Amino acid sequence: MKKATIEKIKKNLEARKEIIEKELAGFTTKDEHVKDNYRATFPEFGDKEDENAKEIADYTDNLSVEHSLEKTLRDINKALVKIKKGNYGKCKYCKNDIPEKRLLARPASSACVECKEKLMSQ
């Protein structure tokens, strides 16, 4: 893969990482003991029954979003490490090159389409 393409992907990943970290900072606290781990904060709206119900609903929603963003952040960080080490773009299953078109569409991809399809069909 061309060096310019990898640099473009790296900048994209770094920008996405920054956005995700800012998003997480809005409703979580960072767990200092575990890398890329956040804890959704429990909202406090008041003591009334409807306020308590809203707190629980919002907290549940935030947990779901937190887990999704954490997974994406881990994938981004793994891709950035691979770029740094010089082994970015290799499928973790078959070890073949992941097509550039796929990496441009989904820069944190760690598998080629063929291997991903095999895994999904099992």
N, C-alpha and C. Protein backbone atom coordinates (compact mmCIF):
# COMPACT_ATOMS: atom_id res chain seq x y z
N MET A 1 0.84 -1.17 0.00
CA MET A 1 0.00 0.00 0.00
C MET A 1 0.89 1.25 0.00
N LYS A 2 0.43 2.27 -0.68
CA LYS A 2 1.21 3.49 -0.79
C LYS A 2 1.33 4.19 0.56
N LYS A 3 2.48 4.79 0.77
CA LYS A 3 2.74 5.51 2.02
C LYS A 3 1.73 6.64 2.23
N ALA A 4 1.37 7.32 1.17
CA ALA A 4 0.41 8.42 1.26
C ALA A 4 -0.97 7.92 1.70
N THR A 5 -1.35 6.73 1.23
CA THR A 5 -2.63 6.14 1.60
C THR A 5 -2.63 5.78 3.08
N ILE A 6 -1.55 5.20 3.54
CA ILE A 6 -1.45 4.84 4.96
C ILE A 6 -1.49 6.11 5.82
N GLU A 7 -0.83 7.15 5.39
CA GLU A 7 -0.83 8.42 6.14
C GLU A 7 -2.24 9.01 6.19
N LYS A 8 -2.96 8.92 5.09
CA LYS A 8 -4.35 9.40 5.04
C LYS A 8 -5.22 8.60 6.02
N ILE A 9 -5.05 7.30 6.02
CA ILE A 9 -5.81 6.43 6.93
C ILE A 9 -5.45 6.74 8.38
N LYS A 10 -4.17 6.94 8.65
CA LYS A 10 -3.72 7.25 10.01
C LYS A 10 -4.36 8.55 10.51
N LYS A 11 -4.38 9.57 9.68
CA LYS A 11 -5.00 10.85 10.07
C LYS A 11 -6.49 10.66 10.33
N ASN A 12 -7.14 9.87 9.49
CA ASN A 12 -8.56 9.58 9.67
C ASN A 12 -8.81 8.88 11.00
N LEU A 13 -7.99 7.88 11.30
CA LEU A 13 -8.12 7.14 12.56
C LEU A 13 -7.88 8.04 13.77
N GLU A 14 -6.86 8.88 13.69
CA GLU A 14 -6.56 9.79 14.81
C GLU A 14 -7.70 10.78 15.04
N ALA A 15 -8.28 11.28 13.95
CA ALA A 15 -9.40 12.23 14.08
C ALA A 15 -10.62 11.53 14.68
N ARG A 16 -10.89 10.33 14.23
CA ARG A 16 -12.02 9.56 14.76
C ARG A 16 -11.81 9.23 16.24
N LYS A 17 -10.59 8.89 16.59
CA LYS A 17 -10.25 8.59 17.99
C LYS A 17 -10.54 9.80 18.87
N GLU A 18 -10.13 10.97 18.43
CA GLU A 18 -10.35 12.19 19.20
C GLU A 18 -11.84 12.47 19.39
N ILE A 19 -12.62 12.27 18.34
CA ILE A 19 -14.07 12.48 18.42
C ILE A 19 -14.70 11.52 19.43
N ILE A 20 -14.31 10.25 19.36
CA ILE A 20 -14.86 9.24 20.27
C ILE A 20 -14.49 9.55 21.72
N GLU A 21 -13.25 9.92 21.95
CA GLU A 21 -12.82 10.24 23.31
C GLU A 21 -13.59 11.44 23.87
N LYS A 22 -13.85 12.44 23.04
CA LYS A 22 -14.64 13.59 23.48
C LYS A 22 -16.08 13.18 23.78
N GLU A 23 -16.62 12.33 22.92
CA GLU A 23 -17.98 11.84 23.13
C GLU A 23 -18.09 11.08 24.45
N LEU A 24 -17.13 10.19 24.69
CA LEU A 24 -17.12 9.42 25.94
C LEU A 24 -16.96 10.32 27.16
N ALA A 25 -16.16 11.36 27.04
CA ALA A 25 -15.94 12.27 28.16
C ALA A 25 -17.22 12.99 28.57
N GLY A 26 -18.18 13.05 27.67
CA GLY A 26 -19.44 13.75 27.96
C GLY A 26 -20.36 13.01 28.91
N PHE A 27 -20.21 11.69 29.03
CA PHE A 27 -21.14 10.94 29.89
C PHE A 27 -20.47 9.80 30.65
N THR A 28 -19.13 9.76 30.63
CA THR A 28 -18.42 8.70 31.35
C THR A 28 -17.25 9.30 32.12
N THR A 29 -16.66 8.46 32.96
CA THR A 29 -15.37 8.77 33.56
C THR A 29 -14.41 7.70 33.08
N LYS A 30 -13.18 8.09 32.88
CA LYS A 30 -12.18 7.14 32.38
C LYS A 30 -11.66 6.29 33.52
N ASP A 31 -11.58 4.99 33.29
CA ASP A 31 -11.02 4.06 34.26
C ASP A 31 -9.50 4.14 34.12
N GLU A 32 -8.83 4.68 35.11
CA GLU A 32 -7.38 4.88 35.04
C GLU A 32 -6.59 3.57 35.11
N HIS A 33 -7.24 2.49 35.53
CA HIS A 33 -6.53 1.22 35.70
C HIS A 33 -6.58 0.34 34.46
N VAL A 34 -7.52 0.60 33.56
CA VAL A 34 -7.68 -0.23 32.37
C VAL A 34 -7.70 0.67 31.14
N LYS A 35 -6.81 0.39 30.20
CA LYS A 35 -6.72 1.20 28.98
C LYS A 35 -8.01 1.09 28.16
N ASP A 36 -8.45 2.21 27.62
CA ASP A 36 -9.64 2.27 26.76
C ASP A 36 -10.88 1.75 27.47
N ASN A 37 -10.96 1.97 28.78
CA ASN A 37 -12.14 1.54 29.52
C ASN A 37 -12.75 2.75 30.21
N TYR A 38 -14.02 2.90 30.05
CA TYR A 38 -14.75 4.03 30.61
C TYR A 38 -15.91 3.50 31.44
N ARG A 39 -16.42 4.34 32.30
CA ARG A 39 -17.57 3.97 33.12
C ARG A 39 -18.63 5.05 32.97
N ALA A 40 -19.80 4.63 32.51
CA ALA A 40 -20.91 5.57 32.36
C ALA A 40 -21.29 6.10 33.74
N THR A 41 -21.49 7.41 33.82
CA THR A 41 -21.90 8.01 35.09
C THR A 41 -23.42 7.94 35.19
N PHE A 42 -23.88 7.75 36.40
CA PHE A 42 -25.31 7.64 36.64
C PHE A 42 -25.87 9.05 36.76
N PRO A 43 -26.83 9.42 35.90
CA PRO A 43 -27.37 10.77 35.95
C PRO A 43 -28.24 10.98 37.20
N GLU A 44 -28.27 12.20 37.68
CA GLU A 44 -29.08 12.57 38.84
C GLU A 44 -30.07 13.65 38.41
N PHE A 45 -31.34 13.26 38.28
CA PHE A 45 -32.38 14.22 37.89
C PHE A 45 -33.26 14.64 39.06
N GLY A 46 -33.26 13.89 40.14
CA GLY A 46 -34.08 14.23 41.29
C GLY A 46 -34.57 12.98 41.99
N ASP A 47 -35.52 13.19 42.92
CA ASP A 47 -36.01 12.09 43.76
C ASP A 47 -37.40 11.60 43.38
N LYS A 48 -38.05 12.25 42.46
CA LYS A 48 -39.40 11.84 42.08
C LYS A 48 -39.35 10.56 41.26
N GLU A 49 -40.45 9.83 41.29
CA GLU A 49 -40.51 8.53 40.62
C GLU A 49 -40.20 8.63 39.13
N ASP A 50 -40.78 9.63 38.46
CA ASP A 50 -40.54 9.77 37.02
C ASP A 50 -39.09 10.20 36.74
N GLU A 51 -38.50 10.95 37.66
CA GLU A 51 -37.10 11.34 37.50
C GLU A 51 -36.19 10.13 37.69
N ASN A 52 -36.53 9.28 38.64
CA ASN A 52 -35.75 8.05 38.86
C ASN A 52 -35.83 7.13 37.65
N ALA A 53 -37.01 7.02 37.06
CA ALA A 53 -37.19 6.18 35.87
C ALA A 53 -36.35 6.72 34.71
N LYS A 54 -36.32 8.05 34.56
CA LYS A 54 -35.52 8.66 33.49
C LYS A 54 -34.03 8.43 33.75
N GLU A 55 -33.60 8.50 35.00
CA GLU A 55 -32.20 8.24 35.33
C GLU A 55 -31.80 6.84 34.88
N ILE A 56 -32.63 5.86 35.20
CA ILE A 56 -32.34 4.47 34.85
C ILE A 56 -32.34 4.28 33.34
N ALA A 57 -33.32 4.87 32.66
CA ALA A 57 -33.39 4.76 31.20
C ALA A 57 -32.17 5.39 30.54
N ASP A 58 -31.80 6.58 30.98
CA ASP A 58 -30.63 7.25 30.40
C ASP A 58 -29.34 6.48 30.68
N TYR A 59 -29.22 5.97 31.90
CA TYR A 59 -28.03 5.21 32.27
C TYR A 59 -27.91 3.95 31.40
N THR A 60 -29.01 3.27 31.21
CA THR A 60 -29.02 2.05 30.38
C THR A 60 -28.62 2.39 28.94
N ASP A 61 -29.17 3.46 28.41
CA ASP A 61 -28.80 3.90 27.06
C ASP A 61 -27.32 4.24 26.99
N ASN A 62 -26.83 4.96 28.01
CA ASN A 62 -25.42 5.35 28.03
C ASN A 62 -24.48 4.15 28.10
N LEU A 63 -24.88 3.12 28.83
CA LEU A 63 -24.06 1.91 28.90
C LEU A 63 -23.89 1.28 27.52
N SER A 64 -24.98 1.22 26.79
CA SER A 64 -24.94 0.63 25.45
C SER A 64 -24.03 1.44 24.53
N VAL A 65 -24.18 2.74 24.56
CA VAL A 65 -23.36 3.62 23.73
C VAL A 65 -21.89 3.52 24.16
N GLU A 66 -21.66 3.50 25.47
CA GLU A 66 -20.30 3.38 26.00
C GLU A 66 -19.61 2.14 25.47
N HIS A 67 -20.27 1.00 25.54
CA HIS A 67 -19.66 -0.26 25.09
C HIS A 67 -19.34 -0.22 23.60
N SER A 68 -20.24 0.34 22.82
CA SER A 68 -20.02 0.44 21.38
C SER A 68 -18.83 1.36 21.06
N LEU A 69 -18.78 2.51 21.73
CA LEU A 69 -17.69 3.44 21.49
C LEU A 69 -16.36 2.88 21.98
N GLU A 70 -16.36 2.17 23.10
CA GLU A 70 -15.13 1.55 23.60
C GLU A 70 -14.59 0.52 22.62
N LYS A 71 -15.47 -0.28 22.05
CA LYS A 71 -15.03 -1.29 21.08
C LYS A 71 -14.41 -0.61 19.86
N THR A 72 -15.07 0.42 19.37
CA THR A 72 -14.54 1.15 18.22
C THR A 72 -13.19 1.77 18.56
N LEU A 73 -13.07 2.34 19.75
CA LEU A 73 -11.82 2.95 20.18
C LEU A 73 -10.70 1.91 20.27
N ARG A 74 -11.00 0.74 20.78
CA ARG A 74 -9.99 -0.34 20.85
C ARG A 74 -9.54 -0.73 19.45
N ASP A 75 -10.50 -0.85 18.52
CA ASP A 75 -10.16 -1.21 17.14
C ASP A 75 -9.27 -0.14 16.49
N ILE A 76 -9.60 1.11 16.74
CA ILE A 76 -8.81 2.22 16.20
C ILE A 76 -7.39 2.17 16.77
N ASN A 77 -7.28 1.99 18.08
CA ASN A 77 -5.95 1.95 18.70
C ASN A 77 -5.13 0.78 18.19
N LYS A 78 -5.76 -0.37 17.97
CA LYS A 78 -5.05 -1.52 17.40
C LYS A 78 -4.53 -1.20 16.00
N ALA A 79 -5.37 -0.55 15.19
CA ALA A 79 -4.95 -0.18 13.84
C ALA A 79 -3.79 0.81 13.87
N LEU A 80 -3.85 1.78 14.78
CA LEU A 80 -2.76 2.75 14.89
C LEU A 80 -1.45 2.09 15.32
N VAL A 81 -1.53 1.11 16.20
CA VAL A 81 -0.33 0.37 16.61
C VAL A 81 0.24 -0.40 15.42
N LYS A 82 -0.64 -1.02 14.63
CA LYS A 82 -0.17 -1.76 13.46
C LYS A 82 0.50 -0.82 12.45
N ILE A 83 -0.06 0.37 12.28
CA ILE A 83 0.56 1.34 11.37
C ILE A 83 1.95 1.68 11.88
N LYS A 84 2.05 1.94 13.18
CA LYS A 84 3.35 2.29 13.78
C LYS A 84 4.37 1.16 13.62
N LYS A 85 3.93 -0.08 13.77
CA LYS A 85 4.83 -1.23 13.67
C LYS A 85 5.12 -1.62 12.22
N GLY A 86 4.34 -1.07 11.28
CA GLY A 86 4.56 -1.38 9.87
C GLY A 86 3.88 -2.63 9.37
N ASN A 87 2.92 -3.17 10.14
CA ASN A 87 2.21 -4.37 9.67
C ASN A 87 0.72 -4.13 9.51
N TYR A 88 0.36 -2.90 9.22
CA TYR A 88 -1.04 -2.54 9.00
C TYR A 88 -1.53 -3.08 7.65
N GLY A 89 -2.77 -3.53 7.63
CA GLY A 89 -3.39 -3.96 6.39
C GLY A 89 -3.29 -5.44 6.11
N LYS A 90 -2.87 -6.22 7.08
CA LYS A 90 -2.79 -7.68 6.93
C LYS A 90 -3.98 -8.31 7.67
N CYS A 91 -4.61 -9.28 7.04
CA CYS A 91 -5.74 -9.99 7.65
C CYS A 91 -5.21 -10.82 8.82
N LYS A 92 -5.88 -10.72 9.96
CA LYS A 92 -5.41 -11.46 11.14
C LYS A 92 -5.69 -12.96 11.04
N TYR A 93 -6.48 -13.38 10.05
CA TYR A 93 -6.81 -14.80 9.89
C TYR A 93 -5.97 -15.47 8.80
N CYS A 94 -5.99 -14.91 7.61
CA CYS A 94 -5.28 -15.55 6.50
C CYS A 94 -3.91 -14.93 6.23
N LYS A 95 -3.62 -13.79 6.86
CA LYS A 95 -2.34 -13.07 6.75
C LYS A 95 -2.12 -12.43 5.38
N ASN A 96 -3.13 -12.46 4.51
CA ASN A 96 -3.04 -11.78 3.23
C ASN A 96 -3.32 -10.29 3.40
N ASP A 97 -2.96 -9.51 2.38
CA ASP A 97 -3.24 -8.08 2.41
C ASP A 97 -4.74 -7.84 2.35
N ILE A 98 -5.20 -6.91 3.17
CA ILE A 98 -6.59 -6.46 3.09
C ILE A 98 -6.64 -5.43 1.97
N PRO A 99 -7.58 -5.55 1.04
CA PRO A 99 -7.64 -4.60 -0.08
C PRO A 99 -7.72 -3.14 0.39
N GLU A 100 -7.00 -2.29 -0.31
CA GLU A 100 -6.95 -0.87 0.02
C GLU A 100 -8.35 -0.26 0.06
N LYS A 101 -9.20 -0.67 -0.85
CA LYS A 101 -10.56 -0.13 -0.92
C LYS A 101 -11.30 -0.40 0.40
N ARG A 102 -11.13 -1.59 0.97
CA ARG A 102 -11.77 -1.92 2.25
C ARG A 102 -11.19 -1.07 3.38
N LEU A 103 -9.89 -0.90 3.40
CA LEU A 103 -9.26 -0.13 4.46
C LEU A 103 -9.63 1.35 4.39
N LEU A 104 -9.82 1.85 3.20
CA LEU A 104 -10.26 3.24 3.08
C LEU A 104 -11.70 3.41 3.56
N ALA A 105 -12.53 2.39 3.34
CA ALA A 105 -13.92 2.43 3.79
C ALA A 105 -14.04 2.16 5.29
N ARG A 106 -13.22 1.23 5.77
CA ARG A 106 -13.25 0.85 7.20
C ARG A 106 -11.81 0.70 7.68
N PRO A 107 -11.20 1.83 8.06
CA PRO A 107 -9.76 1.83 8.39
C PRO A 107 -9.36 0.94 9.56
N ALA A 108 -10.27 0.61 10.45
CA ALA A 108 -9.92 -0.23 11.60
C ALA A 108 -10.09 -1.72 11.31
N SER A 109 -10.37 -2.06 10.06
CA SER A 109 -10.55 -3.47 9.70
C SER A 109 -9.31 -4.29 10.02
N SER A 110 -9.56 -5.46 10.58
CA SER A 110 -8.44 -6.35 10.89
C SER A 110 -8.54 -7.65 10.10
N ALA A 111 -9.59 -7.74 9.27
CA ALA A 111 -9.80 -8.96 8.48
C ALA A 111 -10.25 -8.60 7.07
N CYS A 112 -9.89 -9.47 6.14
CA CYS A 112 -10.34 -9.28 4.76
C CYS A 112 -11.81 -9.71 4.67
N VAL A 113 -12.46 -9.32 3.61
CA VAL A 113 -13.88 -9.61 3.43
C VAL A 113 -14.13 -11.12 3.40
N GLU A 114 -13.27 -11.86 2.73
CA GLU A 114 -13.46 -13.31 2.61
C GLU A 114 -13.46 -13.98 3.99
N CYS A 115 -12.50 -13.65 4.82
CA CYS A 115 -12.42 -14.25 6.15
C CYS A 115 -13.58 -13.79 7.02
N LYS A 116 -13.96 -12.54 6.91
CA LYS A 116 -15.07 -12.02 7.70
C LYS A 116 -16.37 -12.73 7.31
N GLU A 117 -16.56 -12.95 6.02
CA GLU A 117 -17.77 -13.66 5.56
C GLU A 117 -17.79 -15.09 6.07
N LYS A 118 -16.63 -15.75 6.08
CA LYS A 118 -16.56 -17.11 6.60
C LYS A 118 -16.95 -17.15 8.08
N LEU A 119 -16.45 -16.18 8.82
CA LEU A 119 -16.77 -16.12 10.25
C LEU A 119 -18.26 -15.85 10.50
N MET A 120 -18.83 -14.99 9.69
CA MET A 120 -20.25 -14.63 9.85
C MET A 120 -21.17 -15.79 9.48
N SER A 121 -20.74 -16.66 8.60
CA SER A 121 -21.58 -17.76 8.15
C SER A 121 -21.53 -18.97 9.08
N GLN A 122 -20.63 -18.96 10.02
CA GLN A 122 -20.50 -20.11 10.94
C GLN A 122 -21.51 -20.04 12.05
